[in-house]
Amino acid sequence: MRALKAKQKEELRLAQLEWIKYRDLDFKLIDSIYDTMQGTMYIPMRIDARMEVIKKRALELKGYLDLITEGE
């Protein structure tokens, strides 16, 4: 947040609020799929699928930060 200008901070805040809604809906989808599976191997697979959603967003945000701080 320190690297962002005021307008960028607000845009990030709004984007994150919307992303959280997306994340929660994606988690519901993931859970609904894995709820139909039998066996303990699906527990770590469900967790991995959920983590991938978060990992993807974290890498996107890191890419934006790298772009903003490039050349500092």
C-alpha atoms as a PDB file:
ATOM      1  CA  MET A   1       0.000   0.000   0.000  1.00  0.00           C
ATOM      2  CA  ARG A   2       2.894   2.372   0.660  1.00  0.00           C
ATOM      3  CA  ALA A   3       3.922   2.165  -2.998  1.00  0.00           C
ATOM      4  CA  LEU A   4       0.474   3.205  -4.227  1.00  0.00           C
ATOM      5  CA  LYS A   5      -1.004   6.623  -4.826  1.00  0.00           C
ATOM      6  CA  ALA A   6      -4.305   7.510  -3.136  1.00  0.00           C
ATOM      7  CA  LYS A   7      -6.455   6.645  -6.181  1.00  0.00           C
ATOM      8  CA  GLN A   8      -4.600   3.351  -6.650  1.00  0.00           C
ATOM      9  CA  LYS A   9      -5.161   2.459  -2.993  1.00  0.00           C
ATOM     10  CA  GLU A  10      -8.884   2.986  -3.377  1.00  0.00           C
ATOM     11  CA  GLU A  11      -8.972   0.970  -6.608  1.00  0.00           C
ATOM     12  CA  LEU A  12      -7.064  -1.856  -4.932  1.00  0.00           C
ATOM     13  CA  ARG A  13      -9.421  -1.786  -1.956  1.00  0.00           C
ATOM     14  CA  LEU A  14     -12.457  -2.034  -4.242  1.00  0.00           C
ATOM     15  CA  ALA A  15     -10.849  -4.747  -6.362  1.00  0.00           C
ATOM     16  CA  GLN A  16      -9.996  -6.769  -3.271  1.00  0.00           C
ATOM     17  CA  LEU A  17     -13.548  -6.513  -1.949  1.00  0.00           C
ATOM     18  CA  GLU A  18     -14.835  -7.875  -5.248  1.00  0.00           C
ATOM     19  CA  TRP A  19     -12.115 -10.520  -5.366  1.00  0.00           C
ATOM     20  CA  ILE A  20     -13.133 -11.720  -1.898  1.00  0.00           C
ATOM     21  CA  LYS A  21     -16.681 -12.220  -3.197  1.00  0.00           C
ATOM     22  CA  TYR A  22     -15.261 -14.158  -6.168  1.00  0.00           C
ATOM     23  CA  ARG A  23     -13.023 -16.209  -3.862  1.00  0.00           C
ATOM     24  CA  ASP A  24     -15.904 -17.147  -1.604  1.00  0.00           C
ATOM     25  CA  LEU A  25     -18.051 -18.223  -4.563  1.00  0.00           C
ATOM     26  CA  ASP A  26     -15.144 -20.191  -6.042  1.00  0.00           C
ATOM     27  CA  PHE A  27     -14.617 -21.905  -2.676  1.00  0.00           C
ATOM     28  CA  LYS A  28     -18.305 -22.863  -2.652  1.00  0.00           C
ATOM     29  CA  LEU A  29     -17.897 -24.415  -6.093  1.00  0.00           C
ATOM     30  CA  ILE A  30     -14.743 -26.273  -5.074  1.00  0.00           C
ATOM     31  CA  ASP A  31     -16.423 -27.524  -1.903  1.00  0.00           C
ATOM     32  CA  SER A  32     -19.537 -28.645  -3.777  1.00  0.00           C
ATOM     33  CA  ILE A  33     -17.399 -30.692  -6.148  1.00  0.00           C
ATOM     34  CA  TYR A  34     -15.242 -32.283  -3.465  1.00  0.00           C
ATOM     35  CA  ASP A  35     -18.243 -32.922  -1.185  1.00  0.00           C
ATOM     36  CA  THR A  36     -19.368 -35.563  -3.692  1.00  0.00           C
ATOM     37  CA  MET A  37     -16.059 -37.436  -3.534  1.00  0.00           C
ATOM     38  CA  GLN A  38     -15.378 -40.379  -1.235  1.00  0.00           C
ATOM     39  CA  GLY A  39     -11.956 -40.999   0.260  1.00  0.00           C
ATOM     40  CA  THR A  40      -9.356 -39.208   2.321  1.00  0.00           C
ATOM     41  CA  MET A  41      -7.192 -38.304  -0.681  1.00  0.00           C
ATOM     42  CA  TYR A  42      -9.755 -35.670  -1.644  1.00  0.00           C
ATOM     43  CA  ILE A  43      -9.187 -33.680   1.556  1.00  0.00           C
ATOM     44  CA  PRO A  44      -5.708 -32.418   0.547  1.00  0.00           C
ATOM     45  CA  MET A  45      -6.889 -32.027  -3.047  1.00  0.00           C
ATOM     46  CA  ARG A  46      -9.688 -29.707  -1.872  1.00  0.00           C
ATOM     47  CA  ILE A  47      -7.250 -27.700   0.228  1.00  0.00           C
ATOM     48  CA  ASP A  48      -4.840 -27.450  -2.708  1.00  0.00           C
ATOM     49  CA  ALA A  49      -7.602 -26.247  -5.032  1.00  0.00           C
ATOM     50  CA  ARG A  50      -8.559 -23.532  -2.542  1.00  0.00           C
ATOM     51  CA  MET A  51      -4.928 -22.526  -2.031  1.00  0.00           C
ATOM     52  CA  GLU A  52      -4.431 -22.185  -5.793  1.00  0.00           C
ATOM     53  CA  VAL A  53      -7.168 -19.535  -5.904  1.00  0.00           C
ATOM     54  CA  ILE A  54      -5.349 -17.502  -3.255  1.00  0.00           C
ATOM     55  CA  LYS A  55      -1.904 -18.190  -4.712  1.00  0.00           C
ATOM     56  CA  LYS A  56      -3.015 -16.894  -8.109  1.00  0.00           C
ATOM     57  CA  ARG A  57      -4.257 -13.629  -6.598  1.00  0.00           C
ATOM     58  CA  ALA A  58      -1.130 -13.208  -4.486  1.00  0.00           C
ATOM     59  CA  LEU A  59       1.054 -13.632  -7.584  1.00  0.00           C
ATOM     60  CA  GLU A  60      -1.087 -11.104  -9.492  1.00  0.00           C
ATOM     61  CA  LEU A  61      -0.675  -8.556  -6.702  1.00  0.00           C
ATOM     62  CA  LYS A  62       3.068  -9.243  -6.498  1.00  0.00           C
ATOM     63  CA  GLY A  63       3.306  -8.652 -10.246  1.00  0.00           C
ATOM     64  CA  TYR A  64       1.571  -5.284  -9.849  1.00  0.00           C
ATOM     65  CA  LEU A  65       3.919  -4.346  -6.996  1.00  0.00           C
ATOM     66  CA  ASP A  66       6.952  -5.344  -9.048  1.00  0.00           C
ATOM     67  CA  LEU A  67       5.679  -3.188 -11.914  1.00  0.00           C
ATOM     68  CA  ILE A  68       5.074  -0.181  -9.671  1.00  0.00           C
ATOM     69  CA  THR A  69       8.396  -0.419  -7.854  1.00  0.00           C
ATOM     70  CA  GLU A  70      10.419  -1.179 -10.970  1.00  0.00           C
ATOM     71  CA  GLY A  71      13.381   1.140 -11.167  1.00  0.00           C
ATOM     72  CA  GLU A  72      13.215   2.405  -7.574  1.00  0.00           C
END
